[in-house]
PDB file of N, CA and C in Angstrom:
ATOM      1  N   UNK A   1     114.037  71.704 147.785  1.00  0.00           N
ATOM      2  CA  UNK A   1     114.047  70.912 146.568  1.00  0.00           C
ATOM      3  C   UNK A   1     112.830  71.223 145.689  1.00  0.00           C
ATOM      4  N   UNK A   2     111.656  71.309 146.303  1.00  0.00           N
ATOM      5  CA  UNK A   2     110.440  71.597 145.544  1.00  0.00           C
ATOM      6  C   UNK A   2     110.487  73.013 144.973  1.00  0.00           C
ATOM      7  N   UNK A   3     111.076  73.920 145.748  1.00  0.00           N
ATOM      8  CA  UNK A   3     111.183  75.303 145.287  1.00  0.00           C
ATOM      9  C   UNK A   3     112.085  75.400 144.059  1.00  0.00           C
ATOM     10  N   UNK A   4     113.151  74.602 144.063  1.00  0.00           N
ATOM     11  CA  UNK A   4     114.075  74.616 142.924  1.00  0.00           C
ATOM     12  C   UNK A   4     113.389  74.065 141.672  1.00  0.00           C
ATOM     13  N   UNK A   5     112.599  73.001 141.829  1.00  0.00           N
ATOM     14  CA  UNK A   5     111.879  72.421 140.691  1.00  0.00           C
ATOM     15  C   UNK A   5     110.838  73.402 140.150  1.00  0.00           C
ATOM     16  N   UNK A   6     110.184  74.119 141.047  1.00  0.00           N
ATOM     17  CA  UNK A   6     109.204  75.109 140.627  1.00  0.00           C
ATOM     18  C   UNK A   6     109.880  76.235 139.846  1.00  0.00           C
ATOM     19  N   UNK A   7     111.058  76.653 140.314  1.00  0.00           N
ATOM     20  CA  UNK A   7     111.797  77.700 139.608  1.00  0.00           C
ATOM     21  C   UNK A   7     112.245  77.233 138.234  1.00  0.00           C
ATOM     22  N   UNK A   8     112.695  75.968 138.142  1.00  0.00           N
ATOM     23  CA  UNK A   8     113.126  75.423 136.846  1.00  0.00           C
ATOM     24  C   UNK A   8     111.943  75.323 135.886  1.00  0.00           C
ATOM     25  N   UNK A   9     110.798  74.879 136.394  1.00  0.00           N
ATOM     26  CA  UNK A   9     109.615  74.783 135.533  1.00  0.00           C
ATOM     27  C   UNK A   9     109.192  76.171 135.051  1.00  0.00           C
ATOM     28  N   UNK A  10     109.211  77.159 135.951  1.00  0.00           N
ATOM     29  CA  UNK A  10     108.856  78.512 135.551  1.00  0.00           C
ATOM     30  C   UNK A  10     109.799  79.022 134.470  1.00  0.00           C
ATOM     31  N   UNK A  11     111.115  78.754 134.637  1.00  0.00           N
ATOM     32  CA  UNK A  11     112.098  79.208 133.658  1.00  0.00           C
ATOM     33  C   UNK A  11     111.868  78.530 132.309  1.00  0.00           C
ATOM     34  N   UNK A  12     111.591  77.225 132.323  1.00  0.00           N
ATOM     35  CA  UNK A  12     111.346  76.503 131.070  1.00  0.00           C
ATOM     36  C   UNK A  12     110.072  77.009 130.388  1.00  0.00           C
ATOM     37  N   UNK A  13     109.022  77.232 131.177  1.00  0.00           N
ATOM     38  CA  UNK A  13     107.774  77.753 130.600  1.00  0.00           C
ATOM     39  C   UNK A  13     107.970  79.156 130.033  1.00  0.00           C
ATOM     40  N   UNK A  14     108.733  79.964 130.747  1.00  0.00           N
ATOM     41  CA  UNK A  14     109.004  81.323 130.278  1.00  0.00           C
ATOM     42  C   UNK A  14     109.820  81.307 128.984  1.00  0.00           C
ATOM     43  N   UNK A  15     110.807  80.434 128.917  1.00  0.00           N
ATOM     44  CA  UNK A  15     111.629  80.324 127.713  1.00  0.00           C
ATOM     45  C   UNK A  15     110.799  79.820 126.537  1.00  0.00           C
ATOM     46  N   UNK A  16     109.937  78.824 126.773  1.00  0.00           N
ATOM     47  CA  UNK A  16     109.090  78.292 125.702  1.00  0.00           C
ATOM     48  C   UNK A  16     108.136  79.367 125.187  1.00  0.00           C
ATOM     49  N   UNK A  17     107.579  80.156 126.093  1.00  0.00           N
ATOM     50  CA  UNK A  17     106.676  81.237 125.683  1.00  0.00           C
ATOM     51  C   UNK A  17     107.426  82.285 124.856  1.00  0.00           C
ATOM     52  N   UNK A  18     108.621  82.609 125.273  1.00  0.00           N
ATOM     53  CA  UNK A  18     109.428  83.596 124.552  1.00  0.00           C
ATOM     54  C   UNK A  18     109.766  83.095 123.143  1.00  0.00           C
ATOM     55  N   UNK A  19     110.132  81.833 123.030  1.00  0.00           N
ATOM     56  CA  UNK A  19     110.458  81.251 121.718  1.00  0.00           C
ATOM     57  C   UNK A  19     109.219  81.240 120.831  1.00  0.00           C
ATOM     58  N   UNK A  20     108.076  80.863 121.398  1.00  0.00           N
ATOM     59  CA  UNK A  20     106.833  80.817 120.624  1.00  0.00           C
ATOM     60  C   UNK A  20     106.466  82.216 120.109  1.00  0.00           C
ATOM     61  N   UNK A  21     106.591  83.215 120.973  1.00  0.00           N
ATOM     62  CA  UNK A  21     106.263  84.588 120.583  1.00  0.00           C
ATOM     63  C   UNK A  21     107.186  85.066 119.463  1.00  0.00           C
ATOM     64  N   UNK A  22     108.457  84.723 119.556  1.00  0.00           N
ATOM     65  CA  UNK A  22     109.427  85.108 118.525  1.00  0.00           C
ATOM     66  C   UNK A  22     109.100  84.442 117.186  1.00  0.00           C
ATOM     67  N   UNK A  23     108.773  83.147 117.226  1.00  0.00           N
ATOM     68  CA  UNK A  23     108.441  82.434 115.992  1.00  0.00           C
ATOM     69  C   UNK A  23     107.163  82.974 115.374  1.00  0.00           C
ATOM     70  N   UNK A  24     106.179  83.299 116.206  1.00  0.00           N
ATOM     71  CA  UNK A  24     104.927  83.841 115.697  1.00  0.00           C
ATOM     72  C   UNK A  24     105.154  85.183 115.009  1.00  0.00           C
ATOM     73  N   UNK A  25     106.009  86.007 115.571  1.00  0.00           N
ATOM     74  CA  UNK A  25     106.316  87.303 114.957  1.00  0.00           C
ATOM     75  C   UNK A  25     106.983  87.112 113.591  1.00  0.00           C
ATOM     76  N   UNK A  26     107.886  86.145 113.492  1.00  0.00           N
ATOM     77  CA  UNK A  26     108.556  85.885 112.220  1.00  0.00           C
ATOM     78  C   UNK A  26     107.576  85.382 111.166  1.00  0.00           C
ATOM     79  N   UNK A  27     106.687  84.480 111.559  1.00  0.00           N
ATOM     80  CA  UNK A  27     105.709  83.931 110.618  1.00  0.00           C
ATOM     81  C   UNK A  27     104.751  85.026 110.146  1.00  0.00           C
ATOM     82  N   UNK A  28     104.290  85.862 111.061  1.00  0.00           N
ATOM     83  CA  UNK A  28     103.380  86.943 110.678  1.00  0.00           C
ATOM     84  C   UNK A  28     104.066  87.955 109.769  1.00  0.00           C
ATOM     85  N   UNK A  29     105.326  88.228 110.018  1.00  0.00           N
ATOM     86  CA  UNK A  29     106.081  89.148 109.163  1.00  0.00           C
ATOM     87  C   UNK A  29     106.196  88.575 107.747  1.00  0.00           C
ATOM     88  N   UNK A  30     106.515  87.281 107.648  1.00  0.00           N
ATOM     89  CA  UNK A  30     106.623  86.632 106.338  1.00  0.00           C
ATOM     90  C   UNK A  30     105.279  86.648 105.614  1.00  0.00           C
ATOM     91  N   UNK A  31     104.204  86.345 106.333  1.00  0.00           N
ATOM     92  CA  UNK A  31     102.876  86.321 105.735  1.00  0.00           C
ATOM     93  C   UNK A  31     102.491  87.712 105.221  1.00  0.00           C
ATOM     94  N   UNK A  32     102.782  88.734 105.985  1.00  0.00           N
ATOM     95  CA  UNK A  32     102.476  90.101 105.552  1.00  0.00           C
ATOM     96  C   UNK A  32     103.252  90.490 104.309  1.00  0.00           C
ATOM     97  N   UNK A  33     104.521  90.124 104.279  1.00  0.00           N
ATOM     98  CA  UNK A  33     105.337  90.449 103.105  1.00  0.00           C
ATOM     99  C   UNK A  33     104.863  89.695 101.870  1.00  0.00           C
ATOM    100  N   UNK A  34     104.476  88.432 102.039  1.00  0.00           N
ATOM    101  CA  UNK A  34     103.965  87.660 100.905  1.00  0.00           C
ATOM    102  C   UNK A  34     102.658  88.266 100.383  1.00  0.00           C
ATOM    103  N   UNK A  35     101.797  88.717 101.289  1.00  0.00           N
ATOM    104  CA  UNK A  35     100.533  89.343 100.870  1.00  0.00           C
ATOM    105  C   UNK A  35     100.791  90.645 100.118  1.00  0.00           C
ATOM    106  N   UNK A  36     101.729  91.439 100.612  1.00  0.00           N
ATOM    107  CA  UNK A  36     102.050  92.702  99.925  1.00  0.00           C
ATOM    108  C   UNK A  36     102.617  92.433  98.538  1.00  0.00           C
ATOM    109  N   UNK A  37     103.470  91.432  98.431  1.00  0.00           N
ATOM    110  CA  UNK A  37     104.054  91.082  97.142  1.00  0.00           C
ATOM    111  C   UNK A  37     102.978  90.611  96.172  1.00  0.00           C
ATOM    112  N   UNK A  38     102.065  89.772  96.647  1.00  0.00           N
ATOM    113  CA  UNK A  38     100.976  89.303  95.794  1.00  0.00           C
ATOM    114  C   UNK A  38     100.085  90.434  95.316  1.00  0.00           C
ATOM    115  N   UNK A  39      99.803  91.387  96.202  1.00  0.00           N
ATOM    116  CA  UNK A  39      98.968  92.526  95.812  1.00  0.00           C
ATOM    117  C   UNK A  39      99.668  93.381  94.762  1.00  0.00           C
ATOM    118  N   UNK A  40     100.945  93.628  94.944  1.00  0.00           N
ATOM    119  CA  UNK A  40     101.699  94.437  93.975  1.00  0.00           C
ATOM    120  C   UNK A  40     101.752  93.728  92.625  1.00  0.00           C
ATOM    121  N   UNK A  41     101.966  92.428  92.626  1.00  0.00           N
ATOM    122  CA  UNK A  41     101.984  91.673  91.368  1.00  0.00           C
ATOM    123  C   UNK A  41     100.615  91.751  90.691  1.00  0.00           C
ATOM    124  N   UNK A  42      99.534  91.653  91.470  1.00  0.00           N
ATOM    125  CA  UNK A  42      98.189  91.763  90.902  1.00  0.00           C
ATOM    126  C   UNK A  42      97.928  93.125  90.293  1.00  0.00           C
ATOM    127  N   UNK A  43      98.367  94.179  90.975  1.00  0.00           N
ATOM    128  CA  UNK A  43      98.165  95.535  90.455  1.00  0.00           C
ATOM    129  C   UNK A  43      98.998  95.748  89.189  1.00  0.00           C
ATOM    130  N   UNK A  44     100.231  95.259  89.175  1.00  0.00           N
ATOM    131  CA  UNK A  44     101.063  95.399  87.975  1.00  0.00           C
ATOM    132  C   UNK A  44     100.472  94.629  86.802  1.00  0.00           C
ATOM    133  N   UNK A  45      99.957  93.429  87.080  1.00  0.00           N
ATOM    134  CA  UNK A  45      99.336  92.646  86.018  1.00  0.00           C
ATOM    135  C   UNK A  45      98.089  93.349  85.502  1.00  0.00           C
ATOM    136  N   UNK A  46      97.337  93.972  86.415  1.00  0.00           N
ATOM    137  CA  UNK A  46      96.165  94.735  85.986  1.00  0.00           C
ATOM    138  C   UNK A  46      96.570  95.908  85.101  1.00  0.00           C
ATOM    139  N   UNK A  47      97.656  96.561  85.438  1.00  0.00           N
ATOM    140  CA  UNK A  47      98.122  97.691  84.633  1.00  0.00           C
ATOM    141  C   UNK A  47      98.576  97.229  83.251  1.00  0.00           C
ATOM    142  N   UNK A  48      99.169  96.057  83.175  1.00  0.00           N
ATOM    143  CA  UNK A  48      99.681  95.562  81.892  1.00  0.00           C
ATOM    144  C   UNK A  48      98.589  94.956  81.015  1.00  0.00           C
ATOM    145  N   UNK A  49      97.627  94.242  81.619  1.00  0.00           N
ATOM    146  CA  UNK A  49      96.626  93.527  80.825  1.00  0.00           C
ATOM    147  C   UNK A  49      95.298  94.256  80.712  1.00  0.00           C
ATOM    148  N   UNK A  50      95.016  95.140  81.646  1.00  0.00           N
ATOM    149  CA  UNK A  50      93.735  95.823  81.638  1.00  0.00           C
ATOM    150  C   UNK A  50      92.634  95.049  82.329  1.00  0.00           C
ATOM    151  N   UNK A  51      92.917  93.856  82.813  1.00  0.00           N
ATOM    152  CA  UNK A  51      91.927  93.061  83.532  1.00  0.00           C
ATOM    153  C   UNK A  51      92.124  93.270  85.029  1.00  0.00           C
ATOM    154  N   UNK A  52      91.026  93.421  85.755  1.00  0.00           N
ATOM    155  CA  UNK A  52      91.103  93.600  87.190  1.00  0.00           C
ATOM    156  C   UNK A  52      91.540  92.329  87.903  1.00  0.00           C
ATOM    157  N   UNK A  53      91.848  92.458  89.177  1.00  0.00           N
ATOM    158  CA  UNK A  53      92.312  91.327  89.962  1.00  0.00           C
ATOM    159  C   UNK A  53      91.242  90.243  90.033  1.00  0.00           C
ATOM    160  N   UNK A  54      89.980  90.632  90.139  1.00  0.00           N
ATOM    161  CA  UNK A  54      88.890  89.653  90.198  1.00  0.00           C
ATOM    162  C   UNK A  54      88.834  88.834  88.913  1.00  0.00           C
ATOM    163  N   UNK A  55      89.038  89.471  87.773  1.00  0.00           N
ATOM    164  CA  UNK A  55      89.063  88.736  86.504  1.00  0.00           C
ATOM    165  C   UNK A  55      90.299  87.840  86.412  1.00  0.00           C
ATOM    166  N   UNK A  56      91.411  88.287  86.976  1.00  0.00           N
ATOM    167  CA  UNK A  56      92.642  87.501  86.922  1.00  0.00           C
ATOM    168  C   UNK A  56      92.503  86.179  87.662  1.00  0.00           C
ATOM    169  N   UNK A  57      91.741  86.172  88.767  1.00  0.00           N
ATOM    170  CA  UNK A  57      91.615  84.926  89.532  1.00  0.00           C
ATOM    171  C   UNK A  57      90.415  84.098  89.092  1.00  0.00           C
ATOM    172  N   UNK A  58      89.733  84.521  88.052  1.00  0.00           N
ATOM    173  CA  UNK A  58      88.672  83.715  87.459  1.00  0.00           C
ATOM    174  C   UNK A  58      87.270  84.026  87.950  1.00  0.00           C
ATOM    175  N   UNK A  59      87.074  85.084  88.709  1.00  0.00           N
ATOM    176  CA  UNK A  59      85.741  85.430  89.198  1.00  0.00           C
ATOM    177  C   UNK A  59      85.105  86.553  88.393  1.00  0.00           C
ATOM    178  N   UNK A  60      85.628  86.833  87.233  1.00  0.00           N
ATOM    179  CA  UNK A  60      85.118  87.902  86.393  1.00  0.00           C
ATOM    180  C   UNK A  60      83.669  87.740  85.994  1.00  0.00           C
ATOM    181  N   UNK A  61      83.255  86.552  85.525  1.00  0.00           N
ATOM    182  CA  UNK A  61      81.844  86.396  85.141  1.00  0.00           C
ATOM    183  C   UNK A  61      80.882  86.635  86.303  1.00  0.00           C
ATOM    184  N   UNK A  62      81.297  86.283  87.515  1.00  0.00           N
ATOM    185  CA  UNK A  62      80.451  86.520  88.677  1.00  0.00           C
ATOM    186  C   UNK A  62      80.266  88.017  88.915  1.00  0.00           C
ATOM    187  N   UNK A  63      81.345  88.768  88.815  1.00  0.00           N
ATOM    188  CA  UNK A  63      81.291  90.211  89.007  1.00  0.00           C
ATOM    189  C   UNK A  63      80.521  90.859  87.862  1.00  0.00           C
ATOM    190  N   UNK A  64      80.736  90.390  86.642  1.00  0.00           N
ATOM    191  CA  UNK A  64      80.024  90.946  85.492  1.00  0.00           C
ATOM    192  C   UNK A  64      78.526  90.696  85.611  1.00  0.00           C
ATOM    193  N   UNK A  65      78.146  89.522  86.101  1.00  0.00           N
ATOM    194  CA  UNK A  65      76.724  89.213  86.298  1.00  0.00           C
ATOM    195  C   UNK A  65      76.112  90.104  87.344  1.00  0.00           C
ATOM    196  N   UNK A  66      76.846  90.383  88.428  1.00  0.00           N
ATOM    197  CA  UNK A  66      76.337  91.290  89.462  1.00  0.00           C
ATOM    198  C   UNK A  66      76.161  92.695  88.906  1.00  0.00           C
ATOM    199  N   UNK A  67      77.116  93.137  88.092  1.00  0.00           N
ATOM    200  CA  UNK A  67      77.013  94.480  87.507  1.00  0.00           C
ATOM    201  C   UNK A  67      75.804  94.553  86.577  1.00  0.00           C
ATOM    202  N   UNK A  68      75.563  93.496  85.826  1.00  0.00           N
ATOM    203  CA  UNK A  68      74.411  93.480  84.926  1.00  0.00           C
ATOM    204  C   UNK A  68      73.106  93.477  85.727  1.00  0.00           C
ATOM    205  N   UNK A  69      73.073  92.762  86.849  1.00  0.00           N
ATOM    206  CA  UNK A  69      71.869  92.739  87.682  1.00  0.00           C
ATOM    207  C   UNK A  69      71.626  94.092  88.346  1.00  0.00           C
ATOM    208  N   UNK A  70      72.697  94.743  88.764  1.00  0.00           N
ATOM    209  CA  UNK A  70      72.504  96.027  89.445  1.00  0.00           C
ATOM    210  C   UNK A  70      72.014  97.104  88.481  1.00  0.00           C
ATOM    211  N   UNK A  71      72.253  96.933  87.197  1.00  0.00           N
ATOM    212  CA  UNK A  71      71.740  97.901  86.219  1.00  0.00           C
ATOM    213  C   UNK A  71      70.469  97.399  85.546  1.00  0.00           C
ATOM    214  N   UNK A  72      69.938  96.274  86.018  1.00  0.00           N
ATOM    215  CA  UNK A  72      68.682  95.678  85.505  1.00  0.00           C
ATOM    216  C   UNK A  72      68.771  95.324  84.026  1.00  0.00           C
ATOM    217  N   UNK A  73      69.957  94.880  83.584  1.00  0.00           N
ATOM    218  CA  UNK A  73      70.114  94.501  82.178  1.00  0.00           C
ATOM    219  C   UNK A  73      69.700  93.055  81.928  1.00  0.00           C
ATOM    220  N   UNK A  74      69.607  92.262  83.001  1.00  0.00           N
ATOM    221  CA  UNK A  74      69.233  90.862  82.826  1.00  0.00           C
ATOM    222  C   UNK A  74      67.815  90.656  83.360  1.00  0.00           C
ATOM    223  N   UNK A  75      66.985  89.872  82.644  1.00  0.00           N
ATOM    224  CA  UNK A  75      65.578  89.710  83.053  1.00  0.00           C
ATOM    225  C   UNK A  75      65.402  88.851  84.303  1.00  0.00           C
ATOM    226  N   UNK A  76      66.372  88.030  84.688  1.00  0.00           N
ATOM    227  CA  UNK A  76      66.200  87.121  85.824  1.00  0.00           C
ATOM    228  C   UNK A  76      66.764  87.674  87.135  1.00  0.00           C
ATOM    229  N   UNK A  77      67.120  88.937  87.178  1.00  0.00           N
ATOM    230  CA  UNK A  77      67.640  89.551  88.410  1.00  0.00           C
ATOM    231  C   UNK A  77      66.512  89.824  89.380  1.00  0.00           C
ATOM    232  N   UNK A  78      66.807  89.731  90.639  1.00  0.00           N
ATOM    233  CA  UNK A  78      65.796  89.954  91.679  1.00  0.00           C
ATOM    234  C   UNK A  78      65.773  91.394  92.107  1.00  0.00           C
TER     235      UNK A  78
END
């Protein structure tokens, strides 16, 4: 009787692990496809507008300030 219960528990645990692994693969596949789609949309928007992806998401002034500091154009750069 105990052996049968142990076998049933092993089977249930094995099935749960298999289902979890399958779901994780599906979620990761969806996430990868969404990331690829977002990158392609960003590149196409950059080609159409001339603004880089960093400027599109609103971090342009930060990047522009770094570029100005690296060329020593601003007096307060370290």
